[in-house]
Amino acid sequence: MNRAISPPSMRAPLARYSHAVMIPPNARWLTTSGQLGVAPDGSVPDSVEEQCVLCFENLKAILVAAEMTFADVVRFSAFVTDRAYFPIYGAVRGRYAVGDAFASTLVIVSGFTLPEFKVEVEVTAATTRPAAA
């Protein structure tokens, strides 16, 4: 089981996450590429919330393909093009994240490969559950 680490000698995290996560030995690891808010048909909604949901739905599909869930995510890394998108991203992440045994970083960037993209999210996951044969 992944273990959250937030030492009492430090200020508590600013949101629901941990300062660090301890991964048990022999865990299976998954690292994703950044996922953008693009639908399977290639469309990109204008809404930041809709783009966030698509990012997380794309991540969910990857996790399922790897026989994992959001409960296995040990790190979220997110990138947004405007500081005002932080609470929107946080609210959507809150719908998908499980518990608080994950680390989290959010960075404000000047843009992505196409100007219509407003958010990108990547995850690292780890589990000691064996993969199906």
C-alpha atoms as a PDB file:
ATOM      1  CA  MET A   1       0.000   0.000   0.000  1.00  0.00           C
ATOM      2  CA  ASN A   2       1.312   3.459  -0.870  1.00  0.00           C
ATOM      3  CA  ARG A   3       1.894   5.555   2.247  1.00  0.00           C
ATOM      4  CA  ALA A   4       1.349   9.308   2.542  1.00  0.00           C
ATOM      5  CA  ILE A   5       4.093  11.321   4.206  1.00  0.00           C
ATOM      6  CA  SER A   6       3.405  14.828   5.508  1.00  0.00           C
ATOM      7  CA  PRO A   7       5.727  15.518   8.455  1.00  0.00           C
ATOM      8  CA  PRO A   8       4.126  17.452  11.323  1.00  0.00           C
ATOM      9  CA  SER A   9       7.199  19.722  11.375  1.00  0.00           C
ATOM     10  CA  MET A  10       6.087  21.176   8.009  1.00  0.00           C
ATOM     11  CA  ARG A  11       3.141  23.347   7.052  1.00  0.00           C
ATOM     12  CA  ALA A  12       0.249  21.131   5.986  1.00  0.00           C
ATOM     13  CA  PRO A  13      -0.291  20.734   2.225  1.00  0.00           C
ATOM     14  CA  LEU A  14      -2.343  23.516   0.626  1.00  0.00           C
ATOM     15  CA  ALA A  15      -4.980  21.095  -0.648  1.00  0.00           C
ATOM     16  CA  ARG A  16      -5.796  17.391  -0.551  1.00  0.00           C
ATOM     17  CA  TYR A  17      -2.432  15.774  -1.273  1.00  0.00           C
ATOM     18  CA  SER A  18       0.677  14.698   0.643  1.00  0.00           C
ATOM     19  CA  HIS A  19       4.159  16.186   0.686  1.00  0.00           C
ATOM     20  CA  ALA A  20       5.505  12.766  -0.335  1.00  0.00           C
ATOM     21  CA  VAL A  21       4.411   9.194  -0.959  1.00  0.00           C
ATOM     22  CA  MET A  22       6.319   6.050   0.018  1.00  0.00           C
ATOM     23  CA  ILE A  23       6.001   3.220  -2.520  1.00  0.00           C
ATOM     24  CA  PRO A  24       6.361  -0.371  -1.276  1.00  0.00           C
ATOM     25  CA  PRO A  25       9.063  -2.650  -2.706  1.00  0.00           C
ATOM     26  CA  ASN A  26       8.299  -4.598  -5.883  1.00  0.00           C
ATOM     27  CA  ALA A  27       5.487  -2.290  -6.964  1.00  0.00           C
ATOM     28  CA  ARG A  28       4.425  -2.103 -10.607  1.00  0.00           C
ATOM     29  CA  TRP A  29       4.921   1.469 -11.866  1.00  0.00           C
ATOM     30  CA  LEU A  30       3.090   3.441 -14.548  1.00  0.00           C
ATOM     31  CA  THR A  31       4.122   6.850 -15.853  1.00  0.00           C
ATOM     32  CA  THR A  32       1.879   8.607 -18.339  1.00  0.00           C
ATOM     33  CA  SER A  33       2.563  11.275 -20.871  1.00  0.00           C
ATOM     34  CA  GLY A  34       0.745  14.531 -20.328  1.00  0.00           C
ATOM     35  CA  GLN A  35      -2.890  14.236 -21.349  1.00  0.00           C
ATOM     36  CA  LEU A  36      -4.619  17.176 -22.985  1.00  0.00           C
ATOM     37  CA  GLY A  37      -8.299  18.076 -23.011  1.00  0.00           C
ATOM     38  CA  VAL A  38      -9.000  16.531 -26.375  1.00  0.00           C
ATOM     39  CA  ALA A  39     -11.869  14.146 -27.127  1.00  0.00           C
ATOM     40  CA  PRO A  40     -11.407  10.885 -29.094  1.00  0.00           C
ATOM     41  CA  ASP A  41     -12.822  12.613 -32.198  1.00  0.00           C
ATOM     42  CA  GLY A  42     -10.145  15.314 -31.937  1.00  0.00           C
ATOM     43  CA  SER A  43     -12.457  18.053 -30.697  1.00  0.00           C
ATOM     44  CA  VAL A  44     -11.267  20.416 -27.972  1.00  0.00           C
ATOM     45  CA  PRO A  45     -13.896  22.098 -25.801  1.00  0.00           C
ATOM     46  CA  ASP A  46     -13.392  25.759 -24.953  1.00  0.00           C
ATOM     47  CA  SER A  47     -14.309  25.260 -21.283  1.00  0.00           C
ATOM     48  CA  VAL A  48     -11.403  24.673 -18.886  1.00  0.00           C
ATOM     49  CA  GLU A  49     -13.582  22.359 -16.791  1.00  0.00           C
ATOM     50  CA  GLU A  50     -14.492  20.245 -19.821  1.00  0.00           C
ATOM     51  CA  GLN A  51     -10.822  20.075 -20.837  1.00  0.00           C
ATOM     52  CA  CYS A  52      -9.909  18.977 -17.291  1.00  0.00           C
ATOM     53  CA  VAL A  53     -12.561  16.262 -17.368  1.00  0.00           C
ATOM     54  CA  LEU A  54     -11.210  14.994 -20.705  1.00  0.00           C
ATOM     55  CA  CYS A  55      -7.664  14.950 -19.280  1.00  0.00           C
ATOM     56  CA  PHE A  56      -8.838  12.819 -16.352  1.00  0.00           C
ATOM     57  CA  GLU A  57     -11.003  10.561 -18.522  1.00  0.00           C
ATOM     58  CA  ASN A  58      -7.984   9.959 -20.780  1.00  0.00           C
ATOM     59  CA  LEU A  59      -5.864   9.166 -17.711  1.00  0.00           C
ATOM     60  CA  LYS A  60      -8.600   6.838 -16.446  1.00  0.00           C
ATOM     61  CA  ALA A  61      -8.507   4.920 -19.755  1.00  0.00           C
ATOM     62  CA  ILE A  62      -4.721   4.526 -19.433  1.00  0.00           C
ATOM     63  CA  LEU A  63      -5.012   3.371 -15.817  1.00  0.00           C
ATOM     64  CA  VAL A  64      -7.689   0.816 -16.725  1.00  0.00           C
ATOM     65  CA  ALA A  65      -5.524  -0.491 -19.582  1.00  0.00           C
ATOM     66  CA  ALA A  66      -2.700  -0.929 -17.038  1.00  0.00           C
ATOM     67  CA  GLU A  67      -5.054  -2.674 -14.582  1.00  0.00           C
ATOM     68  CA  MET A  68      -4.881   0.254 -12.175  1.00  0.00           C
ATOM     69  CA  THR A  69      -7.229   2.906 -10.791  1.00  0.00           C
ATOM     70  CA  PHE A  70      -6.918   6.442  -9.486  1.00  0.00           C
ATOM     71  CA  ALA A  71      -6.355   4.854  -6.054  1.00  0.00           C
ATOM     72  CA  ASP A  72      -2.933   3.790  -7.399  1.00  0.00           C
ATOM     73  CA  VAL A  73      -1.894   7.303  -8.455  1.00  0.00           C
ATOM     74  CA  VAL A  74       1.045   8.527  -6.392  1.00  0.00           C
ATOM     75  CA  ARG A  75       1.667  11.793  -8.248  1.00  0.00           C
ATOM     76  CA  PHE A  76      -0.362  14.284 -10.249  1.00  0.00           C
ATOM     77  CA  SER A  77       1.518  16.860 -12.321  1.00  0.00           C
ATOM     78  CA  ALA A  78      -0.650  19.503 -13.932  1.00  0.00           C
ATOM     79  CA  PHE A  79       0.026  22.463 -16.162  1.00  0.00           C
ATOM     80  CA  VAL A  80      -2.448  25.291 -16.799  1.00  0.00           C
ATOM     81  CA  THR A  81      -2.197  28.441 -18.895  1.00  0.00           C
ATOM     82  CA  ASP A  82      -3.848  30.769 -16.363  1.00  0.00           C
ATOM     83  CA  ARG A  83      -3.696  31.027 -12.577  1.00  0.00           C
ATOM     84  CA  ALA A  84      -7.505  31.375 -12.578  1.00  0.00           C
ATOM     85  CA  TYR A  85      -7.755  27.740 -13.758  1.00  0.00           C
ATOM     86  CA  PHE A  86      -6.195  26.365 -10.545  1.00  0.00           C
ATOM     87  CA  PRO A  87      -9.473  26.045  -8.575  1.00  0.00           C
ATOM     88  CA  ILE A  88     -11.245  24.531 -11.580  1.00  0.00           C
ATOM     89  CA  TYR A  89      -8.482  21.966 -12.034  1.00  0.00           C
ATOM     90  CA  GLY A  90      -8.489  21.255  -8.286  1.00  0.00           C
ATOM     91  CA  ALA A  91     -12.235  20.666  -8.235  1.00  0.00           C
ATOM     92  CA  VAL A  92     -12.068  18.236 -11.162  1.00  0.00           C
ATOM     93  CA  ARG A  93      -9.048  16.434  -9.684  1.00  0.00           C
ATOM     94  CA  GLY A  94     -11.073  16.082  -6.480  1.00  0.00           C
ATOM     95  CA  ARG A  95     -13.698  14.075  -8.391  1.00  0.00           C
ATOM     96  CA  TYR A  96     -11.091  11.538  -9.525  1.00  0.00           C
ATOM     97  CA  ALA A  97      -8.370  11.440  -6.836  1.00  0.00           C
ATOM     98  CA  VAL A  98      -8.715   8.833  -4.102  1.00  0.00           C
ATOM     99  CA  GLY A  99      -7.553   9.554  -0.553  1.00  0.00           C
ATOM    100  CA  ASP A 100      -4.529  11.776  -0.013  1.00  0.00           C
ATOM    101  CA  ALA A 101      -1.625   9.358  -0.568  1.00  0.00           C
ATOM    102  CA  PHE A 102      -0.433  11.221  -3.632  1.00  0.00           C
ATOM    103  CA  ALA A 103       1.942  14.076  -4.322  1.00  0.00           C
ATOM    104  CA  SER A 104       0.816  16.953  -6.503  1.00  0.00           C
ATOM    105  CA  THR A 105       2.356  19.778  -8.496  1.00  0.00           C
ATOM    106  CA  LEU A 106       0.640  22.471 -10.550  1.00  0.00           C
ATOM    107  CA  VAL A 107       2.610  24.769 -12.845  1.00  0.00           C
ATOM    108  CA  ILE A 108       1.370  27.794 -14.758  1.00  0.00           C
ATOM    109  CA  VAL A 109       2.753  27.750 -18.293  1.00  0.00           C
ATOM    110  CA  SER A 110       2.641  30.126 -21.245  1.00  0.00           C
ATOM    111  CA  GLY A 111       0.996  27.618 -23.582  1.00  0.00           C
ATOM    112  CA  PHE A 112       0.896  24.198 -25.196  1.00  0.00           C
ATOM    113  CA  THR A 113       1.431  22.815 -28.699  1.00  0.00           C
ATOM    114  CA  LEU A 114      -1.912  24.212 -29.875  1.00  0.00           C
ATOM    115  CA  PRO A 115      -3.356  27.473 -28.537  1.00  0.00           C
ATOM    116  CA  GLU A 116      -6.784  25.971 -27.723  1.00  0.00           C
ATOM    117  CA  PHE A 117      -5.311  23.734 -25.008  1.00  0.00           C
ATOM    118  CA  LYS A 118      -5.577  25.178 -21.499  1.00  0.00           C
ATOM    119  CA  VAL A 119      -4.606  22.252 -19.259  1.00  0.00           C
ATOM    120  CA  GLU A 120      -2.413  19.155 -19.341  1.00  0.00           C
ATOM    121  CA  VAL A 121      -2.206  16.455 -16.665  1.00  0.00           C
ATOM    122  CA  GLU A 122       0.150  13.516 -16.179  1.00  0.00           C
ATOM    123  CA  VAL A 123       0.238  10.900 -13.455  1.00  0.00           C
ATOM    124  CA  THR A 124       2.566   8.374 -11.909  1.00  0.00           C
ATOM    125  CA  ALA A 125       0.917   5.303 -10.397  1.00  0.00           C
ATOM    126  CA  ALA A 126       2.209   2.327  -8.437  1.00  0.00           C
ATOM    127  CA  THR A 127       0.589  -0.836  -7.136  1.00  0.00           C
ATOM    128  CA  THR A 128       1.661  -4.121  -5.605  1.00  0.00           C
ATOM    129  CA  ARG A 129      -1.293  -5.935  -7.227  1.00  0.00           C
ATOM    130  CA  PRO A 130       0.009  -8.322  -9.879  1.00  0.00           C
ATOM    131  CA  ALA A 131      -1.002  -7.736 -13.472  1.00  0.00           C
ATOM    132  CA  ALA A 132      -3.238 -10.294 -15.147  1.00  0.00           C
ATOM    133  CA  ALA A 133      -1.323 -12.857 -17.124  1.00  0.00           C
END
